[in-house]
Amino acid sequence: MDISCLYDKGVSFDEFVNKDKDAYKEKVLEILNKIRLSDELINKIKIIDKKIKVLVCAEIWCPDCMINVPVLAKMKEYNNNIDISIVEKNGNEDFLLNIVKKIE
């Protein structure tokens, strides 16, 4: 498998959030709704004129993911050139470790 295949295997933010039926979903959506970006940052996001694909490895229960994934979703709300694909860490560990080794 290559990184494109892993990206294609991922899910959207809505699918990611809706996999959970409990407090994690509620917390992530609460964080998303509380995000306030400055006008300057919103304008910088809006002027992105090329496709950007963001592969996210996340688990809904992870505190860092609960904070950072909604920020990416909020950015996507301002510019559809930003595409997000979310994959779970569970089951993708070996692939992700190999990517890190290639970067080092």
PDB file of N, CA and C in Angstrom:
ATOM      1  N   MET A   1       0.854  -1.170   0.000  1.00  0.00           N
ATOM      2  CA  MET A   1       0.000   0.000   0.000  1.00  0.00           C
ATOM      3  C   MET A   1       0.903   1.237   0.000  1.00  0.00           C
ATOM      4  N   ASP A   2       0.474   2.258  -0.737  1.00  0.00           N
ATOM      5  CA  ASP A   2       1.191   3.527  -0.699  1.00  0.00           C
ATOM      6  C   ASP A   2       0.322   4.573  -0.005  1.00  0.00           C
ATOM      7  N   ILE A   3       0.857   5.760   0.141  1.00  0.00           N
ATOM      8  CA  ILE A   3       0.157   6.798   0.902  1.00  0.00           C
ATOM      9  C   ILE A   3      -1.148   7.216   0.231  1.00  0.00           C
ATOM     10  N   SER A   4      -1.195   7.157  -1.094  1.00  0.00           N
ATOM     11  CA  SER A   4      -2.438   7.491  -1.807  1.00  0.00           C
ATOM     12  C   SER A   4      -3.546   6.495  -1.470  1.00  0.00           C
ATOM     13  N   CYS A   5      -3.182   5.237  -1.376  1.00  0.00           N
ATOM     14  CA  CYS A   5      -4.171   4.207  -1.021  1.00  0.00           C
ATOM     15  C   CYS A   5      -4.681   4.422   0.401  1.00  0.00           C
ATOM     16  N   LEU A   6      -3.763   4.780   1.289  1.00  0.00           N
ATOM     17  CA  LEU A   6      -4.175   5.039   2.669  1.00  0.00           C
ATOM     18  C   LEU A   6      -5.097   6.253   2.718  1.00  0.00           C
ATOM     19  N   TYR A   7      -4.768   7.293   1.963  1.00  0.00           N
ATOM     20  CA  TYR A   7      -5.617   8.487   1.894  1.00  0.00           C
ATOM     21  C   TYR A   7      -7.011   8.110   1.403  1.00  0.00           C
ATOM     22  N   ASP A   8      -7.068   7.303   0.356  1.00  0.00           N
ATOM     23  CA  ASP A   8      -8.356   6.890  -0.209  1.00  0.00           C
ATOM     24  C   ASP A   8      -9.171   6.033   0.765  1.00  0.00           C
ATOM     25  N   LYS A   9      -8.487   5.372   1.674  1.00  0.00           N
ATOM     26  CA  LYS A   9      -9.126   4.509   2.666  1.00  0.00           C
ATOM     27  C   LYS A   9      -9.764   5.311   3.806  1.00  0.00           C
ATOM     28  N   GLY A  10      -9.347   6.563   3.940  1.00  0.00           N
ATOM     29  CA  GLY A  10      -9.806   7.398   5.040  1.00  0.00           C
ATOM     30  C   GLY A  10     -11.240   7.870   4.884  1.00  0.00           C
ATOM     31  N   VAL A  11     -11.718   8.533   5.919  1.00  0.00           N
ATOM     32  CA  VAL A  11     -13.092   9.035   5.949  1.00  0.00           C
ATOM     33  C   VAL A  11     -13.084  10.551   6.134  1.00  0.00           C
ATOM     34  N   SER A  12     -14.222  11.162   5.862  1.00  0.00           N
ATOM     35  CA  SER A  12     -14.376  12.598   6.052  1.00  0.00           C
ATOM     36  C   SER A  12     -14.510  12.912   7.547  1.00  0.00           C
ATOM     37  N   PHE A  13     -14.457  14.189   7.880  1.00  0.00           N
ATOM     38  CA  PHE A  13     -14.638  14.614   9.269  1.00  0.00           C
ATOM     39  C   PHE A  13     -15.996  14.156   9.802  1.00  0.00           C
ATOM     40  N   ASP A  14     -17.049  14.357   9.015  1.00  0.00           N
ATOM     41  CA  ASP A  14     -18.388  13.960   9.460  1.00  0.00           C
ATOM     42  C   ASP A  14     -18.468  12.463   9.730  1.00  0.00           C
ATOM     43  N   GLU A  15     -17.886  11.661   8.846  1.00  0.00           N
ATOM     44  CA  GLU A  15     -17.889  10.208   9.056  1.00  0.00           C
ATOM     45  C   GLU A  15     -17.095   9.841  10.309  1.00  0.00           C
ATOM     46  N   PHE A  16     -15.959  10.509  10.478  1.00  0.00           N
ATOM     47  CA  PHE A  16     -15.105  10.275  11.649  1.00  0.00           C
ATOM     48  C   PHE A  16     -15.881  10.534  12.940  1.00  0.00           C
ATOM     49  N   VAL A  17     -16.543  11.675  13.002  1.00  0.00           N
ATOM     50  CA  VAL A  17     -17.286  12.064  14.205  1.00  0.00           C
ATOM     51  C   VAL A  17     -18.484  11.144  14.424  1.00  0.00           C
ATOM     52  N   ASN A  18     -19.167  10.788  13.354  1.00  0.00           N
ATOM     53  CA  ASN A  18     -20.385   9.993  13.492  1.00  0.00           C
ATOM     54  C   ASN A  18     -20.133   8.526  13.783  1.00  0.00           C
ATOM     55  N   LYS A  19     -18.871   8.092  13.750  1.00  0.00           N
ATOM     56  CA  LYS A  19     -18.555   6.721  14.162  1.00  0.00           C
ATOM     57  C   LYS A  19     -18.792   6.541  15.663  1.00  0.00           C
ATOM     58  N   ASP A  20     -18.695   7.646  16.398  1.00  0.00           N
ATOM     59  CA  ASP A  20     -18.886   7.587  17.842  1.00  0.00           C
ATOM     60  C   ASP A  20     -20.298   8.035  18.175  1.00  0.00           C
ATOM     61  N   LYS A  21     -20.913   7.397  19.114  1.00  0.00           N
ATOM     62  CA  LYS A  21     -22.282   7.744  19.507  1.00  0.00           C
ATOM     63  C   LYS A  21     -22.329   8.294  20.927  1.00  0.00           C
ATOM     64  N   ASP A  22     -21.173   8.533  21.528  1.00  0.00           N
ATOM     65  CA  ASP A  22     -21.130   8.926  22.929  1.00  0.00           C
ATOM     66  C   ASP A  22     -20.544  10.319  23.128  1.00  0.00           C
ATOM     67  N   ALA A  23     -19.919  10.471  24.275  1.00  0.00           N
ATOM     68  CA  ALA A  23     -19.401  11.770  24.709  1.00  0.00           C
ATOM     69  C   ALA A  23     -18.274  12.284  23.820  1.00  0.00           C
ATOM     70  N   TYR A  24     -17.512  11.407  23.194  1.00  0.00           N
ATOM     71  CA  TYR A  24     -16.417  11.878  22.342  1.00  0.00           C
ATOM     72  C   TYR A  24     -16.961  12.693  21.175  1.00  0.00           C
ATOM     73  N   LYS A  25     -18.006  12.189  20.554  1.00  0.00           N
ATOM     74  CA  LYS A  25     -18.632  12.913  19.446  1.00  0.00           C
ATOM     75  C   LYS A  25     -19.107  14.278  19.915  1.00  0.00           C
ATOM     76  N   GLU A  26     -19.797  14.305  21.032  1.00  0.00           N
ATOM     77  CA  GLU A  26     -20.309  15.567  21.568  1.00  0.00           C
ATOM     78  C   GLU A  26     -19.180  16.547  21.852  1.00  0.00           C
ATOM     79  N   LYS A  27     -18.085  16.058  22.418  1.00  0.00           N
ATOM     80  CA  LYS A  27     -16.957  16.923  22.766  1.00  0.00           C
ATOM     81  C   LYS A  27     -16.303  17.488  21.509  1.00  0.00           C
ATOM     82  N   VAL A  28     -16.085  16.650  20.505  1.00  0.00           N
ATOM     83  CA  VAL A  28     -15.458  17.108  19.265  1.00  0.00           C
ATOM     84  C   VAL A  28     -16.327  18.167  18.592  1.00  0.00           C
ATOM     85  N   LEU A  29     -17.626  17.945  18.549  1.00  0.00           N
ATOM     86  CA  LEU A  29     -18.527  18.921  17.927  1.00  0.00           C
ATOM     87  C   LEU A  29     -18.600  20.210  18.749  1.00  0.00           C
ATOM     88  N   GLU A  30     -18.533  20.080  20.057  1.00  0.00           N
ATOM     89  CA  GLU A  30     -18.502  21.267  20.914  1.00  0.00           C
ATOM     90  C   GLU A  30     -17.250  22.101  20.630  1.00  0.00           C
ATOM     91  N   ILE A  31     -16.119  21.438  20.500  1.00  0.00           N
ATOM     92  CA  ILE A  31     -14.869  22.136  20.183  1.00  0.00           C
ATOM     93  C   ILE A  31     -14.973  22.798  18.815  1.00  0.00           C
ATOM     94  N   LEU A  32     -15.480  22.068  17.828  1.00  0.00           N
ATOM     95  CA  LEU A  32     -15.642  22.625  16.488  1.00  0.00           C
ATOM     96  C   LEU A  32     -16.473  23.907  16.528  1.00  0.00           C
ATOM     97  N   ASN A  33     -17.561  23.880  17.252  1.00  0.00           N
ATOM     98  CA  ASN A  33     -18.469  25.035  17.320  1.00  0.00           C
ATOM     99  C   ASN A  33     -17.888  26.214  18.089  1.00  0.00           C
ATOM    100  N   LYS A  34     -16.886  25.963  18.912  1.00  0.00           N
ATOM    101  CA  LYS A  34     -16.268  27.041  19.686  1.00  0.00           C
ATOM    102  C   LYS A  34     -15.066  27.666  18.979  1.00  0.00           C
ATOM    103  N   ILE A  35     -14.617  27.086  17.886  1.00  0.00           N
ATOM    104  CA  ILE A  35     -13.434  27.606  17.192  1.00  0.00           C
ATOM    105  C   ILE A  35     -13.755  28.953  16.566  1.00  0.00           C
ATOM    106  N   ARG A  36     -12.950  29.930  16.878  1.00  0.00           N
ATOM    107  CA  ARG A  36     -13.073  31.266  16.302  1.00  0.00           C
ATOM    108  C   ARG A  36     -11.726  31.635  15.700  1.00  0.00           C
ATOM    109  N   LEU A  37     -11.698  31.810  14.397  1.00  0.00           N
ATOM    110  CA  LEU A  37     -10.473  32.199  13.702  1.00  0.00           C
ATOM    111  C   LEU A  37     -10.510  33.699  13.441  1.00  0.00           C
ATOM    112  N   SER A  38      -9.350  34.300  13.452  1.00  0.00           N
ATOM    113  CA  SER A  38      -9.280  35.730  13.162  1.00  0.00           C
ATOM    114  C   SER A  38      -9.627  35.971  11.694  1.00  0.00           C
ATOM    115  N   ASP A  39     -10.095  37.171  11.396  1.00  0.00           N
ATOM    116  CA  ASP A  39     -10.400  37.523  10.008  1.00  0.00           C
ATOM    117  C   ASP A  39      -9.169  37.373   9.123  1.00  0.00           C
ATOM    118  N   GLU A  40      -8.026  37.736   9.662  1.00  0.00           N
ATOM    119  CA  GLU A  40      -6.776  37.614   8.903  1.00  0.00           C
ATOM    120  C   GLU A  40      -6.509  36.160   8.524  1.00  0.00           C
ATOM    121  N   LEU A  41      -6.667  35.262   9.470  1.00  0.00           N
ATOM    122  CA  LEU A  41      -6.439  33.839   9.196  1.00  0.00           C
ATOM    123  C   LEU A  41      -7.481  33.287   8.225  1.00  0.00           C
ATOM    124  N   ILE A  42      -8.723  33.693   8.400  1.00  0.00           N
ATOM    125  CA  ILE A  42      -9.782  33.246   7.490  1.00  0.00           C
ATOM    126  C   ILE A  42      -9.457  33.679   6.059  1.00  0.00           C
ATOM    127  N   ASN A  43      -9.014  34.894   5.895  1.00  0.00           N
ATOM    128  CA  ASN A  43      -8.657  35.384   4.557  1.00  0.00           C
ATOM    129  C   ASN A  43      -7.491  34.601   3.968  1.00  0.00           C
ATOM    130  N   LYS A  44      -6.508  34.248   4.789  1.00  0.00           N
ATOM    131  CA  LYS A  44      -5.375  33.445   4.309  1.00  0.00           C
ATOM    132  C   LYS A  44      -5.850  32.054   3.874  1.00  0.00           C
ATOM    133  N   ILE A  45      -6.781  31.497   4.597  1.00  0.00           N
ATOM    134  CA  ILE A  45      -7.320  30.181   4.242  1.00  0.00           C
ATOM    135  C   ILE A  45      -8.112  30.279   2.940  1.00  0.00           C
ATOM    136  N   LYS A  46      -8.908  31.314   2.809  1.00  0.00           N
ATOM    137  CA  LYS A  46      -9.768  31.468   1.630  1.00  0.00           C
ATOM    138  C   LYS A  46      -8.982  31.664   0.336  1.00  0.00           C
ATOM    139  N   ILE A  47      -7.785  32.218   0.410  1.00  0.00           N
ATOM    140  CA  ILE A  47      -7.034  32.480  -0.832  1.00  0.00           C
ATOM    141  C   ILE A  47      -6.207  31.286  -1.309  1.00  0.00           C
ATOM    142  N   ILE A  48      -6.246  30.204  -0.590  1.00  0.00           N
ATOM    143  CA  ILE A  48      -5.558  28.988  -1.063  1.00  0.00           C
ATOM    144  C   ILE A  48      -6.240  28.569  -2.354  1.00  0.00           C
ATOM    145  N   ASP A  49      -5.465  28.538  -3.430  1.00  0.00           N
ATOM    146  CA  ASP A  49      -6.067  28.299  -4.741  1.00  0.00           C
ATOM    147  C   ASP A  49      -5.640  26.989  -5.386  1.00  0.00           C
ATOM    148  N   LYS A  50      -5.070  26.110  -4.612  1.00  0.00           N
ATOM    149  CA  LYS A  50      -4.737  24.788  -5.140  1.00  0.00           C
ATOM    150  C   LYS A  50      -5.199  23.732  -4.148  1.00  0.00           C
ATOM    151  N   LYS A  51      -5.409  22.532  -4.658  1.00  0.00           N
ATOM    152  CA  LYS A  51      -5.878  21.431  -3.813  1.00  0.00           C
ATOM    153  C   LYS A  51      -4.800  21.038  -2.807  1.00  0.00           C
ATOM    154  N   ILE A  52      -5.221  20.893  -1.588  1.00  0.00           N
ATOM    155  CA  ILE A  52      -4.343  20.420  -0.516  1.00  0.00           C
ATOM    156  C   ILE A  52      -5.006  19.196   0.095  1.00  0.00           C
ATOM    157  N   LYS A  53      -4.281  18.094   0.091  1.00  0.00           N
ATOM    158  CA  LYS A  53      -4.792  16.866   0.702  1.00  0.00           C
ATOM    159  C   LYS A  53      -4.088  16.667   2.032  1.00  0.00           C
ATOM    160  N   VAL A  54      -4.893  16.521   3.081  1.00  0.00           N
ATOM    161  CA  VAL A  54      -4.361  16.328   4.421  1.00  0.00           C
ATOM    162  C   VAL A  54      -4.766  14.936   4.903  1.00  0.00           C
ATOM    163  N   LEU A  55      -3.764  14.099   5.126  1.00  0.00           N
ATOM    164  CA  LEU A  55      -4.003  12.768   5.676  1.00  0.00           C
ATOM    165  C   LEU A  55      -3.828  12.858   7.186  1.00  0.00           C
ATOM    166  N   VAL A  56      -4.868  12.511   7.904  1.00  0.00           N
ATOM    167  CA  VAL A  56      -4.876  12.618   9.358  1.00  0.00           C
ATOM    168  C   VAL A  56      -4.991  11.222   9.946  1.00  0.00           C
ATOM    169  N   CYS A  57      -4.105  10.926  10.868  1.00  0.00           N
ATOM    170  CA  CYS A  57      -4.202   9.681  11.629  1.00  0.00           C
ATOM    171  C   CYS A  57      -4.757  10.061  12.996  1.00  0.00           C
ATOM    172  N   ALA A  58      -5.969   9.626  13.281  1.00  0.00           N
ATOM    173  CA  ALA A  58      -6.624  10.093  14.504  1.00  0.00           C
ATOM    174  C   ALA A  58      -7.538   9.034  15.094  1.00  0.00           C
ATOM    175  N   GLU A  59      -7.714   9.143  16.386  1.00  0.00           N
ATOM    176  CA  GLU A  59      -8.700   8.353  17.126  1.00  0.00           C
ATOM    177  C   GLU A  59      -9.592   9.351  17.851  1.00  0.00           C
ATOM    178  N   ILE A  60     -10.875   9.149  17.812  1.00  0.00           N
ATOM    179  CA  ILE A  60     -11.817  10.121  18.378  1.00  0.00           C
ATOM    180  C   ILE A  60     -11.637  10.304  19.880  1.00  0.00           C
ATOM    181  N   TRP A  61     -11.134   9.302  20.566  1.00  0.00           N
ATOM    182  CA  TRP A  61     -10.948   9.378  22.013  1.00  0.00           C
ATOM    183  C   TRP A  61      -9.675  10.125  22.408  1.00  0.00           C
ATOM    184  N   CYS A  62      -8.805  10.397  21.472  1.00  0.00           N
ATOM    185  CA  CYS A  62      -7.507  11.028  21.746  1.00  0.00           C
ATOM    186  C   CYS A  62      -7.690  12.524  22.012  1.00  0.00           C
ATOM    187  N   PRO A  63      -7.226  13.020  23.152  1.00  0.00           N
ATOM    188  CA  PRO A  63      -7.388  14.445  23.467  1.00  0.00           C
ATOM    189  C   PRO A  63      -6.774  15.382  22.418  1.00  0.00           C
ATOM    190  N   ASP A  64      -5.587  15.060  21.910  1.00  0.00           N
ATOM    191  CA  ASP A  64      -4.978  15.900  20.872  1.00  0.00           C
ATOM    192  C   ASP A  64      -5.833  15.922  19.615  1.00  0.00           C
ATOM    193  N   CYS A  65      -6.386  14.782  19.244  1.00  0.00           N
ATOM    194  CA  CYS A  65      -7.237  14.703  18.049  1.00  0.00           C
ATOM    195  C   CYS A  65      -8.538  15.471  18.250  1.00  0.00           C
ATOM    196  N   MET A  66      -9.075  15.421  19.459  1.00  0.00           N
ATOM    197  CA  MET A  66     -10.314  16.155  19.748  1.00  0.00           C
ATOM    198  C   MET A  66     -10.129  17.652  19.533  1.00  0.00           C
ATOM    199  N   ILE A  67      -8.911  18.133  19.699  1.00  0.00           N
ATOM    200  CA  ILE A  67      -8.630  19.559  19.529  1.00  0.00           C
ATOM    201  C   ILE A  67      -8.220  19.878  18.100  1.00  0.00           C
ATOM    202  N   ASN A  68      -7.320  19.099  17.531  1.00  0.00           N
ATOM    203  CA  ASN A  68      -6.713  19.451  16.246  1.00  0.00           C
ATOM    204  C   ASN A  68      -7.545  19.087  15.015  1.00  0.00           C
ATOM    205  N   VAL A  69      -8.239  17.979  15.051  1.00  0.00           N
ATOM    206  CA  VAL A  69      -9.036  17.582  13.888  1.00  0.00           C
ATOM    207  C   VAL A  69     -10.170  18.584  13.625  1.00  0.00           C
ATOM    208  N   PRO A  70     -10.865  19.078  14.646  1.00  0.00           N
ATOM    209  CA  PRO A  70     -11.880  20.103  14.376  1.00  0.00           C
ATOM    210  C   PRO A  70     -11.302  21.380  13.755  1.00  0.00           C
ATOM    211  N   VAL A  71     -10.074  21.728  14.089  1.00  0.00           N
ATOM    212  CA  VAL A  71      -9.446  22.909  13.473  1.00  0.00           C
ATOM    213  C   VAL A  71      -9.301  22.698  11.965  1.00  0.00           C
ATOM    214  N   LEU A  72      -8.873  21.516  11.564  1.00  0.00           N
ATOM    215  CA  LEU A  72      -8.778  21.213  10.131  1.00  0.00           C
ATOM    216  C   LEU A  72     -10.150  21.261   9.472  1.00  0.00           C
ATOM    217  N   ALA A  73     -11.155  20.725  10.154  1.00  0.00           N
ATOM    218  CA  ALA A  73     -12.515  20.753   9.609  1.00  0.00           C
ATOM    219  C   ALA A  73     -13.003  22.191   9.453  1.00  0.00           C
ATOM    220  N   LYS A  74     -12.682  23.047  10.412  1.00  0.00           N
ATOM    221  CA  LYS A  74     -13.071  24.451  10.348  1.00  0.00           C
ATOM    222  C   LYS A  74     -12.386  25.129   9.157  1.00  0.00           C
ATOM    223  N   MET A  75     -11.123  24.808   8.928  1.00  0.00           N
ATOM    224  CA  MET A  75     -10.410  25.372   7.776  1.00  0.00           C
ATOM    225  C   MET A  75     -11.078  24.939   6.477  1.00  0.00           C
ATOM    226  N   LYS A  76     -11.479  23.683   6.414  1.00  0.00           N
ATOM    227  CA  LYS A  76     -12.147  23.177   5.219  1.00  0.00           C
ATOM    228  C   LYS A  76     -13.467  23.902   4.972  1.00  0.00           C
ATOM    229  N   GLU A  77     -14.140  24.320   6.042  1.00  0.00           N
ATOM    230  CA  GLU A  77     -15.385  25.076   5.886  1.00  0.00           C
ATOM    231  C   GLU A  77     -15.158  26.365   5.094  1.00  0.00           C
ATOM    232  N   TYR A  78     -13.972  26.927   5.210  1.00  0.00           N
ATOM    233  CA  TYR A  78     -13.661  28.179   4.529  1.00  0.00           C
ATOM    234  C   TYR A  78     -13.076  27.992   3.136  1.00  0.00           C
ATOM    235  N   ASN A  79     -12.599  26.781   2.837  1.00  0.00           N
ATOM    236  CA  ASN A  79     -11.998  26.565   1.525  1.00  0.00           C
ATOM    237  C   ASN A  79     -12.109  25.090   1.134  1.00  0.00           C
ATOM    238  N   ASN A  80     -12.869  24.824   0.080  1.00  0.00           N
ATOM    239  CA  ASN A  80     -13.048  23.444  -0.380  1.00  0.00           C
ATOM    240  C   ASN A  80     -11.826  22.878  -1.088  1.00  0.00           C
ATOM    241  N   ASN A  81     -10.784  23.680  -1.268  1.00  0.00           N
ATOM    242  CA  ASN A  81      -9.536  23.160  -1.819  1.00  0.00           C
ATOM    243  C   ASN A  81      -8.793  22.312  -0.785  1.00  0.00           C
ATOM    244  N   ILE A  82      -9.223  22.395   0.451  1.00  0.00           N
ATOM    245  CA  ILE A  82      -8.615  21.600   1.514  1.00  0.00           C
ATOM    246  C   ILE A  82      -9.418  20.309   1.657  1.00  0.00           C
ATOM    247  N   ASP A  83      -8.772  19.204   1.369  1.00  0.00           N
ATOM    248  CA  ASP A  83      -9.408  17.888   1.494  1.00  0.00           C
ATOM    249  C   ASP A  83      -8.780  17.156   2.676  1.00  0.00           C
ATOM    250  N   ILE A  84      -9.629  16.574   3.490  1.00  0.00           N
ATOM    251  CA  ILE A  84      -9.173  15.866   4.683  1.00  0.00           C
ATOM    252  C   ILE A  84      -9.612  14.411   4.600  1.00  0.00           C
ATOM    253  N   SER A  85      -8.677  13.522   4.865  1.00  0.00           N
ATOM    254  CA  SER A  85      -8.973  12.096   4.932  1.00  0.00           C
ATOM    255  C   SER A  85      -8.439  11.591   6.270  1.00  0.00           C
ATOM    256  N   ILE A  86      -9.306  10.989   7.052  1.00  0.00           N
ATOM    257  CA  ILE A  86      -8.935  10.563   8.396  1.00  0.00           C
ATOM    258  C   ILE A  86      -8.900   9.043   8.470  1.00  0.00           C
ATOM    259  N   VAL A  87      -7.756   8.531   8.912  1.00  0.00           N
ATOM    260  CA  VAL A  87      -7.607   7.094   9.124  1.00  0.00           C
ATOM    261  C   VAL A  87      -7.322   6.846  10.600  1.00  0.00           C
ATOM    262  N   GLU A  88      -7.708   5.695  11.057  1.00  0.00           N
ATOM    263  CA  GLU A  88      -7.441   5.317  12.437  1.00  0.00           C
ATOM    264  C   GLU A  88      -6.008   4.840  12.575  1.00  0.00           C
ATOM    265  N   LYS A  89      -5.443   5.076  13.745  1.00  0.00           N
ATOM    266  CA  LYS A  89      -4.107   4.553  14.034  1.00  0.00           C
ATOM    267  C   LYS A  89      -4.165   3.033  14.082  1.00  0.00           C
ATOM    268  N   ASN A  90      -5.202   2.534  14.740  1.00  0.00           N
ATOM    269  CA  ASN A  90      -5.378   1.096  14.896  1.00  0.00           C
ATOM    270  C   ASN A  90      -5.484   0.430  13.530  1.00  0.00           C
ATOM    271  N   GLY A  91      -4.556  -0.451  13.235  1.00  0.00           N
ATOM    272  CA  GLY A  91      -4.545  -1.164  11.972  1.00  0.00           C
ATOM    273  C   GLY A  91      -3.630  -0.543  10.932  1.00  0.00           C
ATOM    274  N   ASN A  92      -3.137   0.651  11.199  1.00  0.00           N
ATOM    275  CA  ASN A  92      -2.255   1.328  10.250  1.00  0.00           C
ATOM    276  C   ASN A  92      -0.876   1.623  10.835  1.00  0.00           C
ATOM    277  N   GLU A  93      -0.577   1.067  12.011  1.00  0.00           N
ATOM    278  CA  GLU A  93       0.673   1.367  12.702  1.00  0.00           C
ATOM    279  C   GLU A  93       1.907   1.083  11.859  1.00  0.00           C
ATOM    280  N   ASP A  94       1.978  -0.099  11.247  1.00  0.00           N
ATOM    281  CA  ASP A  94       3.161  -0.468  10.477  1.00  0.00           C
ATOM    282  C   ASP A  94       3.386   0.481   9.311  1.00  0.00           C
ATOM    283  N   PHE A  95       2.319   0.798   8.593  1.00  0.00           N
ATOM    284  CA  PHE A  95       2.434   1.705   7.455  1.00  0.00           C
ATOM    285  C   PHE A  95       2.927   3.077   7.917  1.00  0.00           C
ATOM    286  N   LEU A  96       2.338   3.584   8.982  1.00  0.00           N
ATOM    287  CA  LEU A  96       2.715   4.902   9.487  1.00  0.00           C
ATOM    288  C   LEU A  96       4.151   4.920  10.009  1.00  0.00           C
ATOM    289  N   LEU A  97       4.584   3.853  10.659  1.00  0.00           N
ATOM    290  CA  LEU A  97       5.974   3.762  11.112  1.00  0.00           C
ATOM    291  C   LEU A  97       6.937   3.764   9.930  1.00  0.00           C
ATOM    292  N   ASN A  98       6.581   3.096   8.855  1.00  0.00           N
ATOM    293  CA  ASN A  98       7.434   3.081   7.671  1.00  0.00           C
ATOM    294  C   ASN A  98       7.551   4.459   7.044  1.00  0.00           C
ATOM    295  N   ILE A  99       6.486   5.234   7.084  1.00  0.00           N
ATOM    296  CA  ILE A  99       6.531   6.604   6.560  1.00  0.00           C
ATOM    297  C   ILE A  99       7.513   7.433   7.382  1.00  0.00           C
ATOM    298  N   VAL A 100       7.429   7.296   8.705  1.00  0.00           N
ATOM    299  CA  VAL A 100       8.311   8.049   9.586  1.00  0.00           C
ATOM    300  C   VAL A 100       9.758   7.661   9.317  1.00  0.00           C
ATOM    301  N   LYS A 101      10.026   6.381   9.136  1.00  0.00           N
ATOM    302  CA  LYS A 101      11.395   5.924   8.863  1.00  0.00           C
ATOM    303  C   LYS A 101      11.921   6.514   7.559  1.00  0.00           C
ATOM    304  N   LYS A 102      11.060   6.641   6.554  1.00  0.00           N
ATOM    305  CA  LYS A 102      11.483   7.217   5.272  1.00  0.00           C
ATOM    306  C   LYS A 102      11.804   8.696   5.409  1.00  0.00           C
ATOM    307  N   ILE A 103      11.094   9.388   6.284  1.00  0.00           N
ATOM    308  CA  ILE A 103      11.323  10.824   6.481  1.00  0.00           C
ATOM    309  C   ILE A 103      12.631  11.058   7.225  1.00  0.00           C
ATOM    310  N   GLU A 104      12.930  10.182   8.168  1.00  0.00           N
ATOM    311  CA  GLU A 104      14.162  10.339   8.961  1.00  0.00           C
ATOM    312  C   GLU A 104      15.320  10.117   8.083  1.00  0.00           C
TER     313      GLU A 104
END
